[in-house]
C-alpha atoms as a PDB file:
ATOM      1  CA  UNK A   1     -14.929  -7.981 -11.532  1.00  0.00           C
ATOM      2  CA  UNK A   2     -12.418  -5.381 -12.646  1.00  0.00           C
ATOM      3  CA  UNK A   3      -9.237  -6.493 -14.515  1.00  0.00           C
ATOM      4  CA  UNK A   4      -5.684  -5.085 -14.159  1.00  0.00           C
ATOM      5  CA  UNK A   5      -5.960  -4.006 -17.860  1.00  0.00           C
ATOM      6  CA  UNK A   6      -9.332  -2.085 -17.323  1.00  0.00           C
ATOM      7  CA  UNK A   7      -8.084  -0.033 -14.595  1.00  0.00           C
ATOM      8  CA  UNK A   8      -5.824   2.408 -16.231  1.00  0.00           C
ATOM      9  CA  UNK A   9      -8.512   3.268 -18.605  1.00  0.00           C
ATOM     10  CA  UNK A  10     -10.921   3.640 -16.110  1.00  0.00           C
ATOM     11  CA  UNK A  11      -8.982   6.211 -14.259  1.00  0.00           C
ATOM     12  CA  UNK A  12      -8.933   8.415 -16.855  1.00  0.00           C
ATOM     13  CA  UNK A  13     -12.670   8.560 -17.244  1.00  0.00           C
ATOM     14  CA  UNK A  14     -14.441  11.467 -15.964  1.00  0.00           C
ATOM     15  CA  UNK A  15     -18.383  11.169 -15.200  1.00  0.00           C
ATOM     16  CA  UNK A  16     -21.047  12.393 -12.996  1.00  0.00           C
ATOM     17  CA  UNK A  17     -19.250  15.181 -11.407  1.00  0.00           C
ATOM     18  CA  UNK A  18     -17.761  12.747  -8.685  1.00  0.00           C
ATOM     19  CA  UNK A  19     -15.066  11.055 -10.804  1.00  0.00           C
ATOM     20  CA  UNK A  20     -11.981  12.987 -11.484  1.00  0.00           C
ATOM     21  CA  UNK A  21      -8.705  11.860 -13.245  1.00  0.00           C
ATOM     22  CA  UNK A  22      -5.163  13.045 -12.853  1.00  0.00           C
ATOM     23  CA  UNK A  23      -3.391  14.287 -15.770  1.00  0.00           C
ATOM     24  CA  UNK A  24       0.084  15.938 -16.618  1.00  0.00           C
ATOM     25  CA  UNK A  25      -1.459  19.134 -16.717  1.00  0.00           C
ATOM     26  CA  UNK A  26      -3.164  18.691 -13.408  1.00  0.00           C
ATOM     27  CA  UNK A  27       0.135  17.237 -12.030  1.00  0.00           C
ATOM     28  CA  UNK A  28       2.086  20.276 -13.082  1.00  0.00           C
ATOM     29  CA  UNK A  29      -0.554  22.755 -11.533  1.00  0.00           C
ATOM     30  CA  UNK A  30      -0.147  20.683  -8.402  1.00  0.00           C
ATOM     31  CA  UNK A  31       3.998  21.109  -8.543  1.00  0.00           C
ATOM     32  CA  UNK A  32       4.266  17.607  -9.718  1.00  0.00           C
ATOM     33  CA  UNK A  33       7.304  16.449 -11.503  1.00  0.00           C
ATOM     34  CA  UNK A  34       7.304  13.511 -13.859  1.00  0.00           C
ATOM     35  CA  UNK A  35      10.047  10.903 -15.193  1.00  0.00           C
ATOM     36  CA  UNK A  36       9.958   8.078 -17.587  1.00  0.00           C
ATOM     37  CA  UNK A  37       8.361   5.405 -15.701  1.00  0.00           C
ATOM     38  CA  UNK A  38      10.840   2.591 -14.760  1.00  0.00           C
ATOM     39  CA  UNK A  39      10.342  -0.890 -12.881  1.00  0.00           C
ATOM     40  CA  UNK A  40      13.657  -2.589 -13.639  1.00  0.00           C
ATOM     41  CA  UNK A  41      15.682  -3.005 -10.596  1.00  0.00           C
ATOM     42  CA  UNK A  42      18.780  -1.428 -12.597  1.00  0.00           C
ATOM     43  CA  UNK A  43      16.975   1.752 -13.763  1.00  0.00           C
ATOM     44  CA  UNK A  44      17.057   5.191 -12.313  1.00  0.00           C
ATOM     45  CA  UNK A  45      14.346   5.820  -9.996  1.00  0.00           C
ATOM     46  CA  UNK A  46      11.414   8.013 -10.949  1.00  0.00           C
ATOM     47  CA  UNK A  47      11.228  11.623 -10.132  1.00  0.00           C
ATOM     48  CA  UNK A  48       8.077  11.760  -8.009  1.00  0.00           C
ATOM     49  CA  UNK A  49       5.537  14.274  -7.005  1.00  0.00           C
ATOM     50  CA  UNK A  50       7.185  17.361  -5.159  1.00  0.00           C
ATOM     51  CA  UNK A  51       5.637  18.903  -2.396  1.00  0.00           C
ATOM     52  CA  UNK A  52       2.074  18.828  -1.115  1.00  0.00           C
ATOM     53  CA  UNK A  53      -0.994  20.218  -2.290  1.00  0.00           C
ATOM     54  CA  UNK A  54      -3.304  21.498   0.638  1.00  0.00           C
ATOM     55  CA  UNK A  55      -5.757  23.744  -1.540  1.00  0.00           C
ATOM     56  CA  UNK A  56      -8.107  21.203  -2.825  1.00  0.00           C
ATOM     57  CA  UNK A  57     -11.817  22.182  -2.505  1.00  0.00           C
ATOM     58  CA  UNK A  58     -14.279  19.247  -2.564  1.00  0.00           C
ATOM     59  CA  UNK A  59     -17.489  19.573  -4.415  1.00  0.00           C
ATOM     60  CA  UNK A  60     -20.792  18.507  -2.930  1.00  0.00           C
ATOM     61  CA  UNK A  61     -20.617  15.093  -4.878  1.00  0.00           C
ATOM     62  CA  UNK A  62     -17.029  14.595  -3.906  1.00  0.00           C
ATOM     63  CA  UNK A  63     -15.680  12.948  -0.541  1.00  0.00           C
ATOM     64  CA  UNK A  64     -13.961  15.648   1.580  1.00  0.00           C
ATOM     65  CA  UNK A  65     -10.464  13.970   1.745  1.00  0.00           C
ATOM     66  CA  UNK A  66      -7.171  15.465   3.265  1.00  0.00           C
ATOM     67  CA  UNK A  67      -4.672  12.918   1.660  1.00  0.00           C
ATOM     68  CA  UNK A  68      -2.858  14.262  -1.166  1.00  0.00           C
ATOM     69  CA  UNK A  69      -3.341  11.265  -3.593  1.00  0.00           C
ATOM     70  CA  UNK A  70      -6.536   9.098  -3.701  1.00  0.00           C
ATOM     71  CA  UNK A  71      -8.134   6.291  -5.477  1.00  0.00           C
ATOM     72  CA  UNK A  72     -11.518   4.619  -4.825  1.00  0.00           C
ATOM     73  CA  UNK A  73     -12.218   1.670  -7.080  1.00  0.00           C
ATOM     74  CA  UNK A  74     -15.267  -0.322  -7.099  1.00  0.00           C
ATOM     75  CA  UNK A  75     -13.701  -3.657  -7.841  1.00  0.00           C
ATOM     76  CA  UNK A  76     -17.262  -5.521  -7.930  1.00  0.00           C
ATOM     77  CA  UNK A  77     -18.742  -3.069 -10.723  1.00  0.00           C
ATOM     78  CA  UNK A  78     -15.372  -2.303 -12.508  1.00  0.00           C
ATOM     79  CA  UNK A  79     -15.512   1.367 -12.032  1.00  0.00           C
ATOM     80  CA  UNK A  80     -13.519   4.000 -10.272  1.00  0.00           C
ATOM     81  CA  UNK A  81     -15.539   6.062  -8.005  1.00  0.00           C
ATOM     82  CA  UNK A  82     -13.118   8.715  -7.349  1.00  0.00           C
ATOM     83  CA  UNK A  83      -9.539   9.818  -8.382  1.00  0.00           C
ATOM     84  CA  UNK A  84      -7.159  12.500  -7.185  1.00  0.00           C
ATOM     85  CA  UNK A  85      -3.574  12.546  -8.868  1.00  0.00           C
ATOM     86  CA  UNK A  86      -4.089   8.719  -9.202  1.00  0.00           C
ATOM     87  CA  UNK A  87      -1.303   8.469 -11.896  1.00  0.00           C
ATOM     88  CA  UNK A  88       1.383  10.478  -9.978  1.00  0.00           C
ATOM     89  CA  UNK A  89       4.211   8.402  -8.659  1.00  0.00           C
ATOM     90  CA  UNK A  90       4.906   8.919  -4.879  1.00  0.00           C
ATOM     91  CA  UNK A  91       6.986   7.463  -2.226  1.00  0.00           C
ATOM     92  CA  UNK A  92       5.019   4.608  -0.445  1.00  0.00           C
ATOM     93  CA  UNK A  93       7.077   3.797   2.436  1.00  0.00           C
ATOM     94  CA  UNK A  94       5.787   0.564   4.223  1.00  0.00           C
ATOM     95  CA  UNK A  95       3.168  -0.221   1.412  1.00  0.00           C
ATOM     96  CA  UNK A  96       6.331  -1.667  -0.042  1.00  0.00           C
ATOM     97  CA  UNK A  97       6.017  -4.562   2.377  1.00  0.00           C
ATOM     98  CA  UNK A  98       2.786  -5.893   0.332  1.00  0.00           C
ATOM     99  CA  UNK A  99       4.952  -6.630  -2.455  1.00  0.00           C
ATOM    100  CA  UNK A 100       7.808  -8.103  -0.504  1.00  0.00           C
ATOM    101  CA  UNK A 101       5.532 -10.621   1.029  1.00  0.00           C
ATOM    102  CA  UNK A 102       4.031 -11.395  -2.456  1.00  0.00           C
ATOM    103  CA  UNK A 103       7.247 -12.278  -4.010  1.00  0.00           C
ATOM    104  CA  UNK A 104       8.567 -14.218  -0.892  1.00  0.00           C
ATOM    105  CA  UNK A 105       5.283 -16.350  -0.822  1.00  0.00           C
ATOM    106  CA  UNK A 106       5.365 -16.615  -4.684  1.00  0.00           C
ATOM    107  CA  UNK A 107       8.851 -18.096  -4.195  1.00  0.00           C
ATOM    108  CA  UNK A 108       7.402 -21.041  -2.134  1.00  0.00           C
ATOM    109  CA  UNK A 109      10.316 -20.730   0.328  1.00  0.00           C
ATOM    110  CA  UNK A 110       9.257 -22.882   3.444  1.00  0.00           C
ATOM    111  CA  UNK A 111       7.539 -20.669   6.195  1.00  0.00           C
ATOM    112  CA  UNK A 112       9.026 -22.694   8.935  1.00  0.00           C
ATOM    113  CA  UNK A 113      12.701 -22.056   8.086  1.00  0.00           C
ATOM    114  CA  UNK A 114      14.250 -20.125  10.863  1.00  0.00           C
ATOM    115  CA  UNK A 115      15.939 -16.767   9.866  1.00  0.00           C
ATOM    116  CA  UNK A 116      18.148 -14.846  12.287  1.00  0.00           C
ATOM    117  CA  UNK A 117      17.866 -11.031  12.418  1.00  0.00           C
ATOM    118  CA  UNK A 118      21.531  -9.605  11.891  1.00  0.00           C
ATOM    119  CA  UNK A 119      23.142  -6.313  11.834  1.00  0.00           C
ATOM    120  CA  UNK A 120      22.677  -6.197   8.111  1.00  0.00           C
ATOM    121  CA  UNK A 121      18.941  -6.136   8.683  1.00  0.00           C
ATOM    122  CA  UNK A 122      19.375  -2.791  11.048  1.00  0.00           C
ATOM    123  CA  UNK A 123      19.001   0.666   9.655  1.00  0.00           C
ATOM    124  CA  UNK A 124      19.287   4.226  11.320  1.00  0.00           C
ATOM    125  CA  UNK A 125      17.360   7.322  10.707  1.00  0.00           C
ATOM    126  CA  UNK A 126      13.765   8.252  10.971  1.00  0.00           C
ATOM    127  CA  UNK A 127      11.005   5.142  10.671  1.00  0.00           C
ATOM    128  CA  UNK A 128      13.669   2.548  11.138  1.00  0.00           C
ATOM    129  CA  UNK A 129      12.294   1.421  14.590  1.00  0.00           C
ATOM    130  CA  UNK A 130      12.079  -2.093  15.124  1.00  0.00           C
ATOM    131  CA  UNK A 131      11.427  -4.448  18.063  1.00  0.00           C
ATOM    132  CA  UNK A 132      13.445  -7.388  16.813  1.00  0.00           C
ATOM    133  CA  UNK A 133      16.724  -7.559  18.306  1.00  0.00           C
ATOM    134  CA  UNK A 134      19.837  -8.583  16.624  1.00  0.00           C
ATOM    135  CA  UNK A 135      20.286 -12.017  17.339  1.00  0.00           C
ATOM    136  CA  UNK A 136      16.472 -12.883  17.324  1.00  0.00           C
ATOM    137  CA  UNK A 137      15.672 -16.099  15.212  1.00  0.00           C
ATOM    138  CA  UNK A 138      12.075 -16.435  13.734  1.00  0.00           C
ATOM    139  CA  UNK A 139      10.526 -18.671  11.472  1.00  0.00           C
ATOM    140  CA  UNK A 140       9.829 -17.125   7.791  1.00  0.00           C
ATOM    141  CA  UNK A 141       6.249 -17.035   8.366  1.00  0.00           C
ATOM    142  CA  UNK A 142       6.261 -15.130  11.645  1.00  0.00           C
ATOM    143  CA  UNK A 143       8.614 -12.482   9.730  1.00  0.00           C
ATOM    144  CA  UNK A 144       5.910 -12.220   6.908  1.00  0.00           C
ATOM    145  CA  UNK A 145       3.268 -11.915   9.454  1.00  0.00           C
ATOM    146  CA  UNK A 146       5.056  -9.246  11.783  1.00  0.00           C
ATOM    147  CA  UNK A 147       6.004  -7.419   8.380  1.00  0.00           C
ATOM    148  CA  UNK A 148       2.292  -7.016   7.070  1.00  0.00           C
ATOM    149  CA  UNK A 149       0.562  -6.553  10.512  1.00  0.00           C
ATOM    150  CA  UNK A 150       3.093  -4.517  12.401  1.00  0.00           C
ATOM    151  CA  UNK A 151       5.189  -3.107   9.480  1.00  0.00           C
ATOM    152  CA  UNK A 152       8.215  -4.640  11.157  1.00  0.00           C
ATOM    153  CA  UNK A 153      11.256  -3.419   9.099  1.00  0.00           C
ATOM    154  CA  UNK A 154      13.806  -5.679  10.251  1.00  0.00           C
ATOM    155  CA  UNK A 155      11.435  -8.425   9.487  1.00  0.00           C
ATOM    156  CA  UNK A 156      11.022  -7.415   5.828  1.00  0.00           C
ATOM    157  CA  UNK A 157      14.677  -6.746   5.405  1.00  0.00           C
ATOM    158  CA  UNK A 158      15.511 -10.263   6.714  1.00  0.00           C
ATOM    159  CA  UNK A 159      12.993 -11.789   4.314  1.00  0.00           C
ATOM    160  CA  UNK A 160      14.775 -10.200   1.330  1.00  0.00           C
ATOM    161  CA  UNK A 161      17.958 -10.995   2.464  1.00  0.00           C
ATOM    162  CA  UNK A 162      17.029 -14.738   2.665  1.00  0.00           C
ATOM    163  CA  UNK A 163      15.095 -14.608  -0.688  1.00  0.00           C
ATOM    164  CA  UNK A 164      16.739 -17.094  -3.179  1.00  0.00           C
ATOM    165  CA  UNK A 165      19.801 -15.092  -4.575  1.00  0.00           C
ATOM    166  CA  UNK A 166      19.682 -12.540  -1.698  1.00  0.00           C
ATOM    167  CA  UNK A 167      18.707  -8.999  -1.458  1.00  0.00           C
ATOM    168  CA  UNK A 168      19.252  -8.017  -4.658  1.00  0.00           C
ATOM    169  CA  UNK A 169      17.376 -10.960  -6.215  1.00  0.00           C
ATOM    170  CA  UNK A 170      14.597 -10.079  -4.063  1.00  0.00           C
ATOM    171  CA  UNK A 171      14.127  -6.374  -5.179  1.00  0.00           C
ATOM    172  CA  UNK A 172      14.368  -7.537  -8.913  1.00  0.00           C
ATOM    173  CA  UNK A 173      11.703  -9.929  -8.281  1.00  0.00           C
ATOM    174  CA  UNK A 174       9.593  -7.174  -6.841  1.00  0.00           C
ATOM    175  CA  UNK A 175      10.022  -4.849  -9.783  1.00  0.00           C
ATOM    176  CA  UNK A 176       9.621  -7.946 -12.119  1.00  0.00           C
ATOM    177  CA  UNK A 177       6.161  -8.517 -10.201  1.00  0.00           C
ATOM    178  CA  UNK A 178       5.343  -4.938 -10.811  1.00  0.00           C
ATOM    179  CA  UNK A 179       5.961  -5.250 -14.375  1.00  0.00           C
ATOM    180  CA  UNK A 180       3.652  -8.274 -14.567  1.00  0.00           C
ATOM    181  CA  UNK A 181       0.893  -6.428 -12.944  1.00  0.00           C
ATOM    182  CA  UNK A 182       1.224  -3.401 -15.060  1.00  0.00           C
ATOM    183  CA  UNK A 183       2.541  -1.052 -12.377  1.00  0.00           C
ATOM    184  CA  UNK A 184       3.995   1.346 -14.833  1.00  0.00           C
ATOM    185  CA  UNK A 185       4.785   4.068 -12.243  1.00  0.00           C
ATOM    186  CA  UNK A 186       6.450   1.704  -9.847  1.00  0.00           C
ATOM    187  CA  UNK A 187      10.055   1.481  -8.743  1.00  0.00           C
ATOM    188  CA  UNK A 188      11.471  -0.507  -5.534  1.00  0.00           C
ATOM    189  CA  UNK A 189      14.896  -0.417  -4.174  1.00  0.00           C
ATOM    190  CA  UNK A 190      14.466  -2.034  -0.740  1.00  0.00           C
ATOM    191  CA  UNK A 191      12.086  -4.525   0.692  1.00  0.00           C
ATOM    192  CA  UNK A 192      11.075  -2.488   3.878  1.00  0.00           C
ATOM    193  CA  UNK A 193      10.103   0.749   2.253  1.00  0.00           C
ATOM    194  CA  UNK A 194      12.528   2.911   4.274  1.00  0.00           C
ATOM    195  CA  UNK A 195      14.040   4.459   1.121  1.00  0.00           C
ATOM    196  CA  UNK A 196      11.989   7.379  -0.449  1.00  0.00           C
ATOM    197  CA  UNK A 197      13.053   5.826  -3.864  1.00  0.00           C
ATOM    198  CA  UNK A 198      10.371   3.153  -3.384  1.00  0.00           C
ATOM    199  CA  UNK A 199       7.704   4.911  -5.299  1.00  0.00           C
ATOM    200  CA  UNK A 200       4.184   4.033  -7.035  1.00  0.00           C
ATOM    201  CA  UNK A 201       1.154   5.793  -8.156  1.00  0.00           C
ATOM    202  CA  UNK A 202      -2.236   5.426  -6.445  1.00  0.00           C
ATOM    203  CA  UNK A 203      -3.297   3.499  -9.716  1.00  0.00           C
ATOM    204  CA  UNK A 204      -0.393   0.986  -9.388  1.00  0.00           C
ATOM    205  CA  UNK A 205      -1.091   0.368  -5.767  1.00  0.00           C
ATOM    206  CA  UNK A 206      -4.604  -0.441  -6.599  1.00  0.00           C
ATOM    207  CA  UNK A 207      -3.507  -3.019  -8.960  1.00  0.00           C
ATOM    208  CA  UNK A 208      -1.016  -4.306  -6.012  1.00  0.00           C
ATOM    209  CA  UNK A 209      -4.031  -4.569  -3.578  1.00  0.00           C
ATOM    210  CA  UNK A 210      -6.229  -6.703  -5.934  1.00  0.00           C
ATOM    211  CA  UNK A 211      -3.328  -9.043  -6.670  1.00  0.00           C
ATOM    212  CA  UNK A 212      -2.343  -9.510  -2.953  1.00  0.00           C
ATOM    213  CA  UNK A 213      -6.089 -10.119  -2.135  1.00  0.00           C
ATOM    214  CA  UNK A 214      -5.796 -13.231  -3.884  1.00  0.00           C
ATOM    215  CA  UNK A 215      -3.162 -14.581  -1.378  1.00  0.00           C
ATOM    216  CA  UNK A 216      -4.883 -16.109   1.579  1.00  0.00           C
ATOM    217  CA  UNK A 217      -1.469 -15.700   3.747  1.00  0.00           C
ATOM    218  CA  UNK A 218      -1.458 -12.070   2.846  1.00  0.00           C
ATOM    219  CA  UNK A 219      -5.133 -11.553   3.693  1.00  0.00           C
ATOM    220  CA  UNK A 220      -4.820 -13.290   7.039  1.00  0.00           C
ATOM    221  CA  UNK A 221      -1.660 -11.815   8.434  1.00  0.00           C
ATOM    222  CA  UNK A 222      -2.271  -8.249   7.148  1.00  0.00           C
ATOM    223  CA  UNK A 223      -5.695  -8.067   9.022  1.00  0.00           C
ATOM    224  CA  UNK A 224      -4.876  -9.997  12.126  1.00  0.00           C
ATOM    225  CA  UNK A 225      -5.344  -7.761  15.036  1.00  0.00           C
ATOM    226  CA  UNK A 226      -2.322  -9.014  17.237  1.00  0.00           C
ATOM    227  CA  UNK A 227       0.420 -11.663  17.095  1.00  0.00           C
ATOM    228  CA  UNK A 228       3.056 -12.827  19.556  1.00  0.00           C
ATOM    229  CA  UNK A 229       6.453 -14.041  18.911  1.00  0.00           C
ATOM    230  CA  UNK A 230       8.903 -15.632  21.260  1.00  0.00           C
ATOM    231  CA  UNK A 231      12.298 -13.852  21.101  1.00  0.00           C
ATOM    232  CA  UNK A 232      14.710 -15.786  23.118  1.00  0.00           C
ATOM    233  CA  UNK A 233      13.245 -16.132  26.708  1.00  0.00           C
ATOM    234  CA  UNK A 234      10.630 -13.768  26.497  1.00  0.00           C
ATOM    235  CA  UNK A 235       7.441 -13.112  24.270  1.00  0.00           C
ATOM    236  CA  UNK A 236       6.837 -10.228  22.287  1.00  0.00           C
ATOM    237  CA  UNK A 237       3.248  -8.768  21.604  1.00  0.00           C
ATOM    238  CA  UNK A 238       2.765  -7.053  18.473  1.00  0.00           C
ATOM    239  CA  UNK A 239      -0.393  -5.215  16.973  1.00  0.00           C
ATOM    240  CA  UNK A 240      -1.842  -4.300  13.810  1.00  0.00           C
ATOM    241  CA  UNK A 241      -0.626  -0.668  12.630  1.00  0.00           C
ATOM    242  CA  UNK A 242      -4.114  -0.192  11.188  1.00  0.00           C
ATOM    243  CA  UNK A 243      -6.600   0.448  13.942  1.00  0.00           C
ATOM    244  CA  UNK A 244      -9.700  -0.198  11.482  1.00  0.00           C
ATOM    245  CA  UNK A 245      -9.103  -3.866  11.545  1.00  0.00           C
ATOM    246  CA  UNK A 246     -10.482  -3.665  15.123  1.00  0.00           C
ATOM    247  CA  UNK A 247     -13.392  -1.636  14.198  1.00  0.00           C
ATOM    248  CA  UNK A 248     -16.464  -4.127  13.918  1.00  0.00           C
ATOM    249  CA  UNK A 249     -17.878  -1.556  11.405  1.00  0.00           C
ATOM    250  CA  UNK A 250     -15.312  -2.523   8.886  1.00  0.00           C
ATOM    251  CA  UNK A 251     -14.768  -5.685   6.679  1.00  0.00           C
ATOM    252  CA  UNK A 252     -11.272  -5.517   5.726  1.00  0.00           C
ATOM    253  CA  UNK A 253     -10.097  -8.133   3.332  1.00  0.00           C
ATOM    254  CA  UNK A 254      -6.431  -6.860   3.031  1.00  0.00           C
ATOM    255  CA  UNK A 255      -4.548  -3.710   4.060  1.00  0.00           C
ATOM    256  CA  UNK A 256      -1.311  -2.289   4.654  1.00  0.00           C
ATOM    257  CA  UNK A 257      -0.248   1.233   6.516  1.00  0.00           C
ATOM    258  CA  UNK A 258       2.935   2.985   5.816  1.00  0.00           C
ATOM    259  CA  UNK A 259       4.833   6.101   6.787  1.00  0.00           C
ATOM    260  CA  UNK A 260       8.286   7.851   6.164  1.00  0.00           C
ATOM    261  CA  UNK A 261       8.822  11.591   6.410  1.00  0.00           C
ATOM    262  CA  UNK A 262       8.939  11.863   2.339  1.00  0.00           C
ATOM    263  CA  UNK A 263       5.790   9.617   1.829  1.00  0.00           C
ATOM    264  CA  UNK A 264       3.614  11.172   4.771  1.00  0.00           C
ATOM    265  CA  UNK A 265       1.002   8.777   6.255  1.00  0.00           C
ATOM    266  CA  UNK A 266      -0.139   5.991   3.852  1.00  0.00           C
ATOM    267  CA  UNK A 267      -3.036   3.564   3.663  1.00  0.00           C
ATOM    268  CA  UNK A 268      -4.202   0.881   1.109  1.00  0.00           C
ATOM    269  CA  UNK A 269      -6.810  -1.547   1.560  1.00  0.00           C
ATOM    270  CA  UNK A 270      -9.677  -3.689  -0.046  1.00  0.00           C
ATOM    271  CA  UNK A 271     -12.807  -3.657   1.998  1.00  0.00           C
ATOM    272  CA  UNK A 272     -16.499  -4.802   1.607  1.00  0.00           C
ATOM    273  CA  UNK A 273     -18.591  -1.455   1.852  1.00  0.00           C
ATOM    274  CA  UNK A 274     -22.249  -1.976   1.073  1.00  0.00           C
ATOM    275  CA  UNK A 275     -21.660  -5.489  -0.144  1.00  0.00           C
ATOM    276  CA  UNK A 276     -19.149  -4.033  -2.835  1.00  0.00           C
ATOM    277  CA  UNK A 277     -15.458  -4.984  -3.001  1.00  0.00           C
ATOM    278  CA  UNK A 278     -13.816  -1.546  -2.584  1.00  0.00           C
ATOM    279  CA  UNK A 279     -10.389  -0.587  -2.995  1.00  0.00           C
ATOM    280  CA  UNK A 280      -8.959   2.365  -1.386  1.00  0.00           C
ATOM    281  CA  UNK A 281      -5.668   4.169  -1.709  1.00  0.00           C
ATOM    282  CA  UNK A 282      -4.675   7.062   0.475  1.00  0.00           C
ATOM    283  CA  UNK A 283      -1.185   8.651  -0.012  1.00  0.00           C
ATOM    284  CA  UNK A 284       0.747  11.438   1.734  1.00  0.00           C
ATOM    285  CA  UNK A 285      -2.068  12.031   4.387  1.00  0.00           C
ATOM    286  CA  UNK A 286      -1.191  14.931   6.616  1.00  0.00           C
ATOM    287  CA  UNK A 287      -1.258  14.246  10.394  1.00  0.00           C
ATOM    288  CA  UNK A 288      -1.343  11.161  12.472  1.00  0.00           C
ATOM    289  CA  UNK A 289      -4.873  10.216  12.094  1.00  0.00           C
ATOM    290  CA  UNK A 290      -5.857  11.822   8.660  1.00  0.00           C
ATOM    291  CA  UNK A 291      -5.503   8.347   6.831  1.00  0.00           C
ATOM    292  CA  UNK A 292      -8.132   6.590   9.122  1.00  0.00           C
ATOM    293  CA  UNK A 293     -10.372   9.630   9.085  1.00  0.00           C
ATOM    294  CA  UNK A 294     -10.261   9.581   5.385  1.00  0.00           C
ATOM    295  CA  UNK A 295     -11.059   5.804   4.986  1.00  0.00           C
ATOM    296  CA  UNK A 296     -14.041   6.764   7.401  1.00  0.00           C
ATOM    297  CA  UNK A 297     -15.075   9.655   5.332  1.00  0.00           C
ATOM    298  CA  UNK A 298     -14.951   7.514   2.167  1.00  0.00           C
ATOM    299  CA  UNK A 299     -17.144   4.907   3.876  1.00  0.00           C
ATOM    300  CA  UNK A 300     -19.813   7.397   4.915  1.00  0.00           C
ATOM    301  CA  UNK A 301     -19.504   9.157   1.399  1.00  0.00           C
ATOM    302  CA  UNK A 302     -20.265   5.580  -0.185  1.00  0.00           C
ATOM    303  CA  UNK A 303     -23.197   4.961   2.254  1.00  0.00           C
ATOM    304  CA  UNK A 304     -24.689   8.401   1.734  1.00  0.00           C
ATOM    305  CA  UNK A 305     -24.444   8.015  -2.218  1.00  0.00           C
ATOM    306  CA  UNK A 306     -26.439   4.651  -1.788  1.00  0.00           C
ATOM    307  CA  UNK A 307     -29.067   6.216   0.340  1.00  0.00           C
ATOM    308  CA  UNK A 308     -29.489   9.068  -2.086  1.00  0.00           C
ATOM    309  CA  UNK A 309     -29.884   6.696  -4.762  1.00  0.00           C
ATOM    310  CA  UNK A 310     -26.331   7.762  -6.576  1.00  0.00           C
ATOM    311  CA  UNK A 311     -24.637   4.447  -6.505  1.00  0.00           C
ATOM    312  CA  UNK A 312     -23.853   2.972  -9.883  1.00  0.00           C
ATOM    313  CA  UNK A 313     -26.336   0.470 -11.098  1.00  0.00           C
ATOM    314  CA  UNK A 314     -23.452  -1.877 -11.855  1.00  0.00           C
END
């Protein structure tokens, strides 16, 4: 099983023609800008990758992927199978909610405590859609469920607002947890991921995915296909934002989608592929279905490598 401390070194390895690594020089070539990595709540946000590189040409030994930044980690055999711009911090949108759920659950606040959605939880602009009307009261556990499964923005914000010490304390806890996990290119400013200043690298997000996969509540809620809650006199039905959880060909342990304009379509997951625990990070996928299509291409690529005898011996 791969450790958090091993991951950074693994991403920098180059082997067998199918494993590549991001570097400052590569990032400069792709138009990326770097700043000093920060994770403290008070520090200035990172400068992140600028623009989208669409000129990438895969080789025969690499998966043909359309996402701008990619990391594929074989956690079972402690190896990085493929990396593209894996150390570049980028906006991560609602992938943020994994960290929000982690610190809320770590705080051991009652999941049965009722929390009301207020105007403080509303946000205007693209990506701010919510089906939870102001005045809706749900249990904390329901809010965690909806934030992870359906990427409910008001649910995530209300969780942060009701964190011990309030919203600022929640964001500080998120940044502190990132430091503990070795997420050196990560910075959070809000619990919902609506700010483009919430940034992380694929390498950092793989560490987050491995951490949250140890939490049974996050595993269950993030992969649930559908969930209904009572809002006043009516029931609201929610579905998972990741269509792959309903695909019988997939065995997904934990997942999260994300989207804001600055981040593009994003997807992170841990799945069992060919009997191995695989972590997949896809950032800035261009187009509505590209992130899901890229995940399917990765699965096919891994199955092809196994059939061709190219899989790592482990």
